[in-house]
Amino acid sequence: MQLTSDGSSNLRQVQEVLSTDAAFSAEVLRLANSPLLGARREVVSILQAVAILGFERIKALTNTLALRMFLSGKPSGALQMCWRHNLAVAVVSERLATYVDMNSDACYTAGLLHDVGRLALLCASPSRYEEILARPNASDPDLLQSEISAFGVDHCEAGALLLRQWGFPPELCDVALWHHRKPERDATGLLPIVYAASGMADVFGFQLGPGVANLAAVADVLPAPLWRSVLADFDRIADYTAFRINALECSLP
C-alpha cells in the first residue's frame, strides 16, 4: 500500500513485494489473465501483471486479500456477516463509480475499508460485539453508543485510527470516520458513494443487525439523475454484487 501510494515508486519495486507471497502472486496473475481485461496473450510475469492492472487495482486487491487472510481462522457468524457486508459495499461502490466517472478501484477500496473498525472490535472481543449487533431495533446512534460503552471507542473512530496508523490517505480515513453521517445531496468524493453503497448493500441482504433496511437515505444522498439510473439498473447491480461476493469467497485463501 505504501509503495502504490508513493508517486516515486516503480513497477519493479511493487513486483518485488508481491513476489514474496505465493497466494498474492497467484491472485494477481489470475486477475491479469481475466477475460475482462482482454489480455492478448497469457501473462506469466508479476511485473507484467502489475503493469496491466495498474497501481489502483493492485491497492484494491491488496486490501481484499489482506483483510480476508486476517479474518481466516477466526470462525464467527458475526465476523462472516461483517466481511460480506464490507465486500458488498465495496462492489456496489465500484459500480456506482461508473455512473459518476470516478475511479472505480478507489471507490472499491473505500467501500472495503469503511467498516474496518468494526472488524477490529469483532476480532478483539467477538462475543461482546455479537451481543451489540443482536440488540433488536437498534439505530445507528444506539449502536455507536453501545460500542463506546463496551470498548471506549466506536467502530468509526477505531477504523479511522487504524487507517491513519497504517498510512492510508486522509480521504479513506474520513470515510471510515464519517460513513454513518448522512452527506449532503451535493457532496462529492468517496464518502457519498460509500454511504449510498452501504444502504444498497443492506437492501440486497448484506445487512448487519436486525434493523429494517430501506432506500430512503440513499435517495436523499445521490443526485436525482444518478438515483434514477441506479434504480433502472437496481436488479442487475444486486445480481452482480452477489456474483462478485461468491467469486471472491471462492477464490481467496
C-alpha atoms as a PDB file:
ATOM      1  CA  MET A   1       0.000   0.000   0.000  1.00  0.00           C
ATOM      2  CA  GLN A   2       2.832   2.379   0.820  1.00  0.00           C
ATOM      3  CA  LEU A   3       4.579   1.657  -2.476  1.00  0.00           C
ATOM      4  CA  THR A   4       1.455   2.069  -4.593  1.00  0.00           C
ATOM      5  CA  SER A   5       0.637   5.358  -2.815  1.00  0.00           C
ATOM      6  CA  ASP A   6       4.141   6.739  -3.376  1.00  0.00           C
ATOM      7  CA  GLY A   7       4.398   8.606  -6.670  1.00  0.00           C
ATOM      8  CA  SER A   8       8.110   7.826  -6.899  1.00  0.00           C
ATOM      9  CA  SER A   9       7.667   4.021  -6.722  1.00  0.00           C
ATOM     10  CA  ASN A  10       8.199   1.937  -9.834  1.00  0.00           C
ATOM     11  CA  LEU A  11       6.673  -1.292 -11.087  1.00  0.00           C
ATOM     12  CA  ARG A  12       9.678  -3.420 -10.178  1.00  0.00           C
ATOM     13  CA  GLN A  13       9.561  -2.349  -6.523  1.00  0.00           C
ATOM     14  CA  VAL A  14       5.913  -3.409  -6.328  1.00  0.00           C
ATOM     15  CA  GLN A  15       6.693  -6.671  -8.131  1.00  0.00           C
ATOM     16  CA  GLU A  16       9.433  -7.494  -5.615  1.00  0.00           C
ATOM     17  CA  VAL A  17       6.996  -7.131  -2.698  1.00  0.00           C
ATOM     18  CA  LEU A  18       4.198  -9.115  -4.371  1.00  0.00           C
ATOM     19  CA  SER A  19       6.566 -11.931  -5.267  1.00  0.00           C
ATOM     20  CA  THR A  20       7.243 -12.675  -1.589  1.00  0.00           C
ATOM     21  CA  ASP A  21       3.687 -14.046  -1.163  1.00  0.00           C
ATOM     22  CA  ALA A  22       2.688 -17.039  -3.284  1.00  0.00           C
ATOM     23  CA  ALA A  23      -1.066 -16.669  -2.739  1.00  0.00           C
ATOM     24  CA  PHE A  24      -0.944 -12.976  -3.551  1.00  0.00           C
ATOM     25  CA  SER A  25       1.147 -13.551  -6.669  1.00  0.00           C
ATOM     26  CA  ALA A  26      -1.273 -16.209  -7.882  1.00  0.00           C
ATOM     27  CA  GLU A  27      -4.269 -13.914  -7.429  1.00  0.00           C
ATOM     28  CA  VAL A  28      -2.516 -11.040  -9.229  1.00  0.00           C
ATOM     29  CA  LEU A  29      -1.725 -13.309 -12.182  1.00  0.00           C
ATOM     30  CA  ARG A  30      -5.268 -14.715 -12.204  1.00  0.00           C
ATOM     31  CA  LEU A  31      -6.745 -11.244 -12.355  1.00  0.00           C
ATOM     32  CA  ALA A  32      -4.291 -10.069 -15.028  1.00  0.00           C
ATOM     33  CA  ASN A  33      -5.335 -13.031 -17.194  1.00  0.00           C
ATOM     34  CA  SER A  34      -9.056 -12.388 -16.708  1.00  0.00           C
ATOM     35  CA  PRO A  35     -11.035 -12.162 -19.964  1.00  0.00           C
ATOM     36  CA  LEU A  36     -12.461  -8.887 -18.642  1.00  0.00           C
ATOM     37  CA  LEU A  37      -9.062  -7.260 -19.136  1.00  0.00           C
ATOM     38  CA  GLY A  38      -8.651  -8.608 -22.656  1.00  0.00           C
ATOM     39  CA  ALA A  39      -5.006  -9.690 -22.390  1.00  0.00           C
ATOM     40  CA  ARG A  40      -3.782 -10.673 -25.862  1.00  0.00           C
ATOM     41  CA  ARG A  41      -1.517 -13.417 -24.532  1.00  0.00           C
ATOM     42  CA  GLU A  42      -1.053 -15.256 -21.261  1.00  0.00           C
ATOM     43  CA  VAL A  43       0.503 -13.130 -18.525  1.00  0.00           C
ATOM     44  CA  VAL A  44       3.084 -15.144 -16.583  1.00  0.00           C
ATOM     45  CA  SER A  45       5.209 -12.356 -15.111  1.00  0.00           C
ATOM     46  CA  ILE A  46       4.266 -10.484 -11.930  1.00  0.00           C
ATOM     47  CA  LEU A  47       5.973  -7.387 -13.343  1.00  0.00           C
ATOM     48  CA  GLN A  48       3.824  -7.532 -16.467  1.00  0.00           C
ATOM     49  CA  ALA A  49       0.708  -8.204 -14.370  1.00  0.00           C
ATOM     50  CA  VAL A  50       1.367  -5.101 -12.264  1.00  0.00           C
ATOM     51  CA  ALA A  51       1.785  -3.053 -15.433  1.00  0.00           C
ATOM     52  CA  ILE A  52      -1.530  -4.359 -16.801  1.00  0.00           C
ATOM     53  CA  LEU A  53      -3.522  -3.969 -13.589  1.00  0.00           C
ATOM     54  CA  GLY A  54      -2.140  -0.606 -12.502  1.00  0.00           C
ATOM     55  CA  PHE A  55      -1.455   0.652  -9.001  1.00  0.00           C
ATOM     56  CA  GLU A  56      -5.079   1.452  -8.093  1.00  0.00           C
ATOM     57  CA  ARG A  57      -6.307  -2.075  -8.852  1.00  0.00           C
ATOM     58  CA  ILE A  58      -3.315  -3.534  -7.007  1.00  0.00           C
ATOM     59  CA  LYS A  59      -4.354  -1.439  -3.979  1.00  0.00           C
ATOM     60  CA  ALA A  60      -7.883  -2.842  -4.081  1.00  0.00           C
ATOM     61  CA  LEU A  61      -6.612  -6.396  -4.414  1.00  0.00           C
ATOM     62  CA  THR A  62      -4.087  -5.865  -1.616  1.00  0.00           C
ATOM     63  CA  ASN A  63      -6.770  -4.779   0.816  1.00  0.00           C
ATOM     64  CA  THR A  64      -9.157  -7.592  -0.100  1.00  0.00           C
ATOM     65  CA  LEU A  65      -6.526 -10.294   0.334  1.00  0.00           C
ATOM     66  CA  ALA A  66      -5.068  -8.774   3.487  1.00  0.00           C
ATOM     67  CA  LEU A  67      -8.429  -8.481   5.238  1.00  0.00           C
ATOM     68  CA  ARG A  68      -9.502 -11.960   4.144  1.00  0.00           C
ATOM     69  CA  MET A  69      -6.303 -13.581   5.422  1.00  0.00           C
ATOM     70  CA  PHE A  70      -6.557 -11.569   8.640  1.00  0.00           C
ATOM     71  CA  LEU A  71     -10.040 -12.943   9.259  1.00  0.00           C
ATOM     72  CA  SER A  72      -9.231 -16.539   8.310  1.00  0.00           C
ATOM     73  CA  GLY A  73      -9.073 -18.923  11.250  1.00  0.00           C
ATOM     74  CA  LYS A  74     -11.465 -16.765  13.302  1.00  0.00           C
ATOM     75  CA  PRO A  75     -14.803 -18.574  12.891  1.00  0.00           C
ATOM     76  CA  SER A  76     -17.694 -16.323  13.813  1.00  0.00           C
ATOM     77  CA  GLY A  77     -21.122 -15.825  12.304  1.00  0.00           C
ATOM     78  CA  ALA A  78     -20.970 -12.084  13.010  1.00  0.00           C
ATOM     79  CA  LEU A  79     -17.457 -11.830  11.548  1.00  0.00           C
ATOM     80  CA  GLN A  80     -18.573 -13.533   8.347  1.00  0.00           C
ATOM     81  CA  MET A  81     -21.597 -11.243   8.173  1.00  0.00           C
ATOM     82  CA  CYS A  82     -19.402  -8.155   8.579  1.00  0.00           C
ATOM     83  CA  TRP A  83     -16.939  -9.408   5.985  1.00  0.00           C
ATOM     84  CA  ARG A  84     -19.710  -9.926   3.447  1.00  0.00           C
ATOM     85  CA  HIS A  85     -21.189  -6.511   4.213  1.00  0.00           C
ATOM     86  CA  ASN A  86     -17.789  -4.927   3.564  1.00  0.00           C
ATOM     87  CA  LEU A  87     -17.432  -6.827   0.295  1.00  0.00           C
ATOM     88  CA  ALA A  88     -20.939  -5.858  -0.787  1.00  0.00           C
ATOM     89  CA  VAL A  89     -20.306  -2.174  -0.055  1.00  0.00           C
ATOM     90  CA  ALA A  90     -17.011  -2.402  -1.964  1.00  0.00           C
ATOM     91  CA  VAL A  91     -18.627  -3.987  -5.027  1.00  0.00           C
ATOM     92  CA  VAL A  92     -21.594  -1.595  -5.062  1.00  0.00           C
ATOM     93  CA  SER A  93     -19.246   1.390  -4.611  1.00  0.00           C
ATOM     94  CA  GLU A  94     -17.266   0.148  -7.575  1.00  0.00           C
ATOM     95  CA  ARG A  95     -20.437   0.004  -9.678  1.00  0.00           C
ATOM     96  CA  LEU A  96     -21.699   3.422  -8.558  1.00  0.00           C
ATOM     97  CA  ALA A  97     -18.360   4.921  -9.601  1.00  0.00           C
ATOM     98  CA  THR A  98     -19.146   4.117 -13.229  1.00  0.00           C
ATOM     99  CA  TYR A  99     -22.236   6.365 -13.102  1.00  0.00           C
ATOM    100  CA  VAL A 100     -20.311   9.424 -11.894  1.00  0.00           C
ATOM    101  CA  ASP A 101     -16.993   8.972 -13.709  1.00  0.00           C
ATOM    102  CA  MET A 102     -14.974   8.268 -10.559  1.00  0.00           C
ATOM    103  CA  ASN A 103     -12.080   5.852 -10.184  1.00  0.00           C
ATOM    104  CA  SER A 104     -13.805   2.500  -9.628  1.00  0.00           C
ATOM    105  CA  ASP A 105     -10.828   0.882  -7.880  1.00  0.00           C
ATOM    106  CA  ALA A 106     -10.548   3.773  -5.409  1.00  0.00           C
ATOM    107  CA  CYS A 107     -14.287   3.502  -4.671  1.00  0.00           C
ATOM    108  CA  TYR A 108     -13.943  -0.270  -4.195  1.00  0.00           C
ATOM    109  CA  THR A 109     -11.127   0.242  -1.687  1.00  0.00           C
ATOM    110  CA  ALA A 110     -13.112   2.885   0.216  1.00  0.00           C
ATOM    111  CA  GLY A 111     -16.101   0.541   0.432  1.00  0.00           C
ATOM    112  CA  LEU A 112     -13.975  -2.378   1.545  1.00  0.00           C
ATOM    113  CA  LEU A 113     -12.300  -0.416   4.342  1.00  0.00           C
ATOM    114  CA  HIS A 114     -15.222   1.703   5.569  1.00  0.00           C
ATOM    115  CA  ASP A 115     -16.062  -0.756   8.381  1.00  0.00           C
ATOM    116  CA  VAL A 116     -12.548  -1.939   9.217  1.00  0.00           C
ATOM    117  CA  GLY A 117     -13.028  -0.628  12.759  1.00  0.00           C
ATOM    118  CA  ARG A 118     -15.996  -2.958  13.227  1.00  0.00           C
ATOM    119  CA  LEU A 119     -13.886  -5.912  12.122  1.00  0.00           C
ATOM    120  CA  ALA A 120     -11.215  -4.866  14.610  1.00  0.00           C
ATOM    121  CA  LEU A 121     -13.692  -4.697  17.508  1.00  0.00           C
ATOM    122  CA  LEU A 122     -15.150  -8.052  16.485  1.00  0.00           C
ATOM    123  CA  CYS A 123     -11.729  -9.670  16.439  1.00  0.00           C
ATOM    124  CA  ALA A 124     -10.856  -8.085  19.791  1.00  0.00           C
ATOM    125  CA  SER A 125     -13.981  -9.383  21.547  1.00  0.00           C
ATOM    126  CA  PRO A 126     -16.292 -11.486  19.342  1.00  0.00           C
ATOM    127  CA  SER A 127     -18.857 -12.407  21.997  1.00  0.00           C
ATOM    128  CA  ARG A 128     -19.208  -8.862  23.324  1.00  0.00           C
ATOM    129  CA  TYR A 129     -19.611  -7.378  19.853  1.00  0.00           C
ATOM    130  CA  GLU A 130     -22.067 -10.067  18.742  1.00  0.00           C
ATOM    131  CA  GLU A 131     -24.265  -9.060  21.688  1.00  0.00           C
ATOM    132  CA  ILE A 132     -24.211  -5.463  20.432  1.00  0.00           C
ATOM    133  CA  LEU A 133     -25.207  -6.496  16.912  1.00  0.00           C
ATOM    134  CA  ALA A 134     -28.004  -8.725  18.193  1.00  0.00           C
ATOM    135  CA  ARG A 135     -29.863  -5.943  20.004  1.00  0.00           C
ATOM    136  CA  PRO A 136     -33.279  -5.533  18.312  1.00  0.00           C
ATOM    137  CA  ASN A 137     -34.287  -2.296  16.588  1.00  0.00           C
ATOM    138  CA  ALA A 138     -31.046  -0.516  17.496  1.00  0.00           C
ATOM    139  CA  SER A 139     -30.471   2.647  15.457  1.00  0.00           C
ATOM    140  CA  ASP A 140     -27.029   3.729  14.258  1.00  0.00           C
ATOM    141  CA  PRO A 141     -26.594   6.173  17.193  1.00  0.00           C
ATOM    142  CA  ASP A 142     -27.633   3.404  19.611  1.00  0.00           C
ATOM    143  CA  LEU A 143     -25.094   1.042  18.066  1.00  0.00           C
ATOM    144  CA  LEU A 144     -22.270   3.574  18.234  1.00  0.00           C
ATOM    145  CA  GLN A 145     -23.092   4.417  21.864  1.00  0.00           C
ATOM    146  CA  SER A 146     -23.136   0.717  22.754  1.00  0.00           C
ATOM    147  CA  GLU A 147     -19.665   0.358  21.213  1.00  0.00           C
ATOM    148  CA  ILE A 148     -18.360   3.294  23.242  1.00  0.00           C
ATOM    149  CA  SER A 149     -19.811   1.801  26.426  1.00  0.00           C
ATOM    150  CA  ALA A 150     -18.246  -1.589  25.717  1.00  0.00           C
ATOM    151  CA  PHE A 151     -14.894  -0.586  24.188  1.00  0.00           C
ATOM    152  CA  GLY A 152     -14.353   3.097  24.959  1.00  0.00           C
ATOM    153  CA  VAL A 153     -14.467   3.870  21.228  1.00  0.00           C
ATOM    154  CA  ASP A 154     -16.965   3.335  18.405  1.00  0.00           C
ATOM    155  CA  HIS A 155     -16.085   1.440  15.238  1.00  0.00           C
ATOM    156  CA  CYS A 156     -15.903   4.644  13.167  1.00  0.00           C
ATOM    157  CA  GLU A 157     -13.226   6.154  15.415  1.00  0.00           C
ATOM    158  CA  ALA A 158     -11.421   2.814  15.658  1.00  0.00           C
ATOM    159  CA  GLY A 159     -11.382   2.416  11.872  1.00  0.00           C
ATOM    160  CA  ALA A 160     -10.072   5.925  11.240  1.00  0.00           C
ATOM    161  CA  LEU A 161      -7.362   5.425  13.864  1.00  0.00           C
ATOM    162  CA  LEU A 162      -6.246   2.145  12.292  1.00  0.00           C
ATOM    163  CA  LEU A 163      -6.121   3.570   8.779  1.00  0.00           C
ATOM    164  CA  ARG A 164      -4.108   6.577   9.954  1.00  0.00           C
ATOM    165  CA  GLN A 165      -1.639   4.285  11.722  1.00  0.00           C
ATOM    166  CA  TRP A 166      -1.345   2.171   8.579  1.00  0.00           C
ATOM    167  CA  GLY A 167      -0.593   5.243   6.460  1.00  0.00           C
ATOM    168  CA  PHE A 168      -3.743   5.310   4.327  1.00  0.00           C
ATOM    169  CA  PRO A 169      -4.769   8.519   2.514  1.00  0.00           C
ATOM    170  CA  PRO A 170      -6.794  11.059   4.523  1.00  0.00           C
ATOM    171  CA  GLU A 171      -9.925  10.638   2.364  1.00  0.00           C
ATOM    172  CA  LEU A 172     -10.099   6.925   3.206  1.00  0.00           C
ATOM    173  CA  CYS A 173      -9.648   7.743   6.896  1.00  0.00           C
ATOM    174  CA  ASP A 174     -12.553  10.197   6.619  1.00  0.00           C
ATOM    175  CA  VAL A 175     -14.758   7.521   5.020  1.00  0.00           C
ATOM    176  CA  ALA A 176     -14.087   5.221   7.976  1.00  0.00           C
ATOM    177  CA  LEU A 177     -14.781   8.038  10.441  1.00  0.00           C
ATOM    178  CA  TRP A 178     -17.918   9.563   8.911  1.00  0.00           C
ATOM    179  CA  HIS A 179     -19.669   6.766   6.981  1.00  0.00           C
ATOM    180  CA  HIS A 180     -22.640   6.769   9.388  1.00  0.00           C
ATOM    181  CA  ARG A 181     -23.178  10.513   8.951  1.00  0.00           C
ATOM    182  CA  LYS A 182     -25.521  11.293   6.070  1.00  0.00           C
ATOM    183  CA  PRO A 183     -23.751  13.503   3.486  1.00  0.00           C
ATOM    184  CA  GLU A 184     -25.396  16.456   1.777  1.00  0.00           C
ATOM    185  CA  ARG A 185     -27.004  15.706  -1.584  1.00  0.00           C
ATOM    186  CA  ASP A 186     -24.427  17.800  -3.473  1.00  0.00           C
ATOM    187  CA  ALA A 187     -21.448  16.280  -1.607  1.00  0.00           C
ATOM    188  CA  THR A 188     -18.675  14.857  -3.787  1.00  0.00           C
ATOM    189  CA  GLY A 189     -15.861  12.369  -3.289  1.00  0.00           C
ATOM    190  CA  LEU A 190     -15.777   8.891  -1.813  1.00  0.00           C
ATOM    191  CA  LEU A 191     -17.993   9.400   1.237  1.00  0.00           C
ATOM    192  CA  PRO A 192     -21.406   9.820  -0.505  1.00  0.00           C
ATOM    193  CA  ILE A 193     -20.624   6.857  -2.777  1.00  0.00           C
ATOM    194  CA  VAL A 194     -19.813   4.599   0.193  1.00  0.00           C
ATOM    195  CA  TYR A 195     -22.804   5.868   2.186  1.00  0.00           C
ATOM    196  CA  ALA A 196     -25.160   5.094  -0.691  1.00  0.00           C
ATOM    197  CA  ALA A 197     -23.479   1.731  -1.362  1.00  0.00           C
ATOM    198  CA  SER A 198     -23.889   0.729   2.285  1.00  0.00           C
ATOM    199  CA  GLY A 199     -27.621   1.401   2.144  1.00  0.00           C
ATOM    200  CA  MET A 200     -27.956  -0.559  -1.085  1.00  0.00           C
ATOM    201  CA  ALA A 201     -25.919  -3.471   0.338  1.00  0.00           C
ATOM    202  CA  ASP A 202     -28.352  -3.629   3.275  1.00  0.00           C
ATOM    203  CA  VAL A 203     -31.318  -3.849   0.907  1.00  0.00           C
ATOM    204  CA  PHE A 204     -29.527  -6.561  -1.097  1.00  0.00           C
ATOM    205  CA  GLY A 205     -29.437  -8.697   2.067  1.00  0.00           C
ATOM    206  CA  PHE A 206     -25.894  -7.972   3.274  1.00  0.00           C
ATOM    207  CA  GLN A 207     -27.119  -6.148   6.335  1.00  0.00           C
ATOM    208  CA  LEU A 208     -25.649  -6.019   9.833  1.00  0.00           C
ATOM    209  CA  GLY A 209     -28.015  -6.397  12.725  1.00  0.00           C
ATOM    210  CA  PRO A 210     -31.779  -6.887  12.889  1.00  0.00           C
ATOM    211  CA  GLY A 211     -32.899  -3.421  11.739  1.00  0.00           C
ATOM    212  CA  VAL A 212     -35.076  -2.732   8.705  1.00  0.00           C
ATOM    213  CA  ALA A 213     -33.176  -1.776   5.544  1.00  0.00           C
ATOM    214  CA  ASN A 214     -34.630   0.856   3.231  1.00  0.00           C
ATOM    215  CA  LEU A 215     -33.506   3.050   0.362  1.00  0.00           C
ATOM    216  CA  ALA A 216     -34.833   6.390   1.576  1.00  0.00           C
ATOM    217  CA  ALA A 217     -31.468   7.576   2.859  1.00  0.00           C
ATOM    218  CA  VAL A 218     -29.753   6.565  -0.388  1.00  0.00           C
ATOM    219  CA  ALA A 219     -32.264   8.503  -2.487  1.00  0.00           C
ATOM    220  CA  ASP A 220     -31.637  11.604  -0.358  1.00  0.00           C
ATOM    221  CA  VAL A 221     -27.865  11.474  -0.882  1.00  0.00           C
ATOM    222  CA  LEU A 222     -27.474  10.735  -4.591  1.00  0.00           C
ATOM    223  CA  PRO A 223     -28.346  13.396  -7.184  1.00  0.00           C
ATOM    224  CA  ALA A 224     -31.755  12.725  -8.739  1.00  0.00           C
ATOM    225  CA  PRO A 225     -30.451  11.792 -12.245  1.00  0.00           C
ATOM    226  CA  LEU A 226     -27.947   9.360 -10.739  1.00  0.00           C
ATOM    227  CA  TRP A 227     -30.606   7.836  -8.483  1.00  0.00           C
ATOM    228  CA  ARG A 228     -32.910   7.265 -11.457  1.00  0.00           C
ATOM    229  CA  SER A 229     -30.111   5.483 -13.313  1.00  0.00           C
ATOM    230  CA  VAL A 230     -29.342   3.332 -10.286  1.00  0.00           C
ATOM    231  CA  LEU A 231     -32.997   2.391  -9.856  1.00  0.00           C
ATOM    232  CA  ALA A 232     -33.205   1.363 -13.511  1.00  0.00           C
ATOM    233  CA  ASP A 233     -30.233  -0.984 -13.005  1.00  0.00           C
ATOM    234  CA  PHE A 234     -31.097  -1.990  -9.439  1.00  0.00           C
ATOM    235  CA  ASP A 235     -31.724  -5.699 -10.046  1.00  0.00           C
ATOM    236  CA  ARG A 236     -28.622  -6.027 -12.214  1.00  0.00           C
ATOM    237  CA  ILE A 237     -26.488  -4.376  -9.535  1.00  0.00           C
ATOM    238  CA  ALA A 238     -27.928  -6.756  -6.928  1.00  0.00           C
ATOM    239  CA  ASP A 239     -27.198  -9.826  -9.060  1.00  0.00           C
ATOM    240  CA  TYR A 240     -23.701  -8.595  -9.883  1.00  0.00           C
ATOM    241  CA  THR A 241     -22.952  -7.956  -6.203  1.00  0.00           C
ATOM    242  CA  ALA A 242     -23.978 -11.475  -5.177  1.00  0.00           C
ATOM    243  CA  PHE A 243     -21.963 -12.952  -8.061  1.00  0.00           C
ATOM    244  CA  ARG A 244     -18.820 -10.994  -7.162  1.00  0.00           C
ATOM    245  CA  ILE A 245     -19.005 -11.878  -3.469  1.00  0.00           C
ATOM    246  CA  ASN A 246     -19.386 -15.556  -4.283  1.00  0.00           C
ATOM    247  CA  ALA A 247     -16.444 -15.396  -6.715  1.00  0.00           C
ATOM    248  CA  LEU A 248     -14.236 -13.601  -4.188  1.00  0.00           C
ATOM    249  CA  GLU A 249     -15.041 -16.001  -1.380  1.00  0.00           C
ATOM    250  CA  CYS A 250     -14.313 -18.994  -3.616  1.00  0.00           C
ATOM    251  CA  SER A 251     -11.007 -17.665  -4.929  1.00  0.00           C
ATOM    252  CA  LEU A 252      -9.426 -16.109  -1.841  1.00  0.00           C
ATOM    253  CA  PRO A 253      -7.288 -18.206   0.528  1.00  0.00           C
END
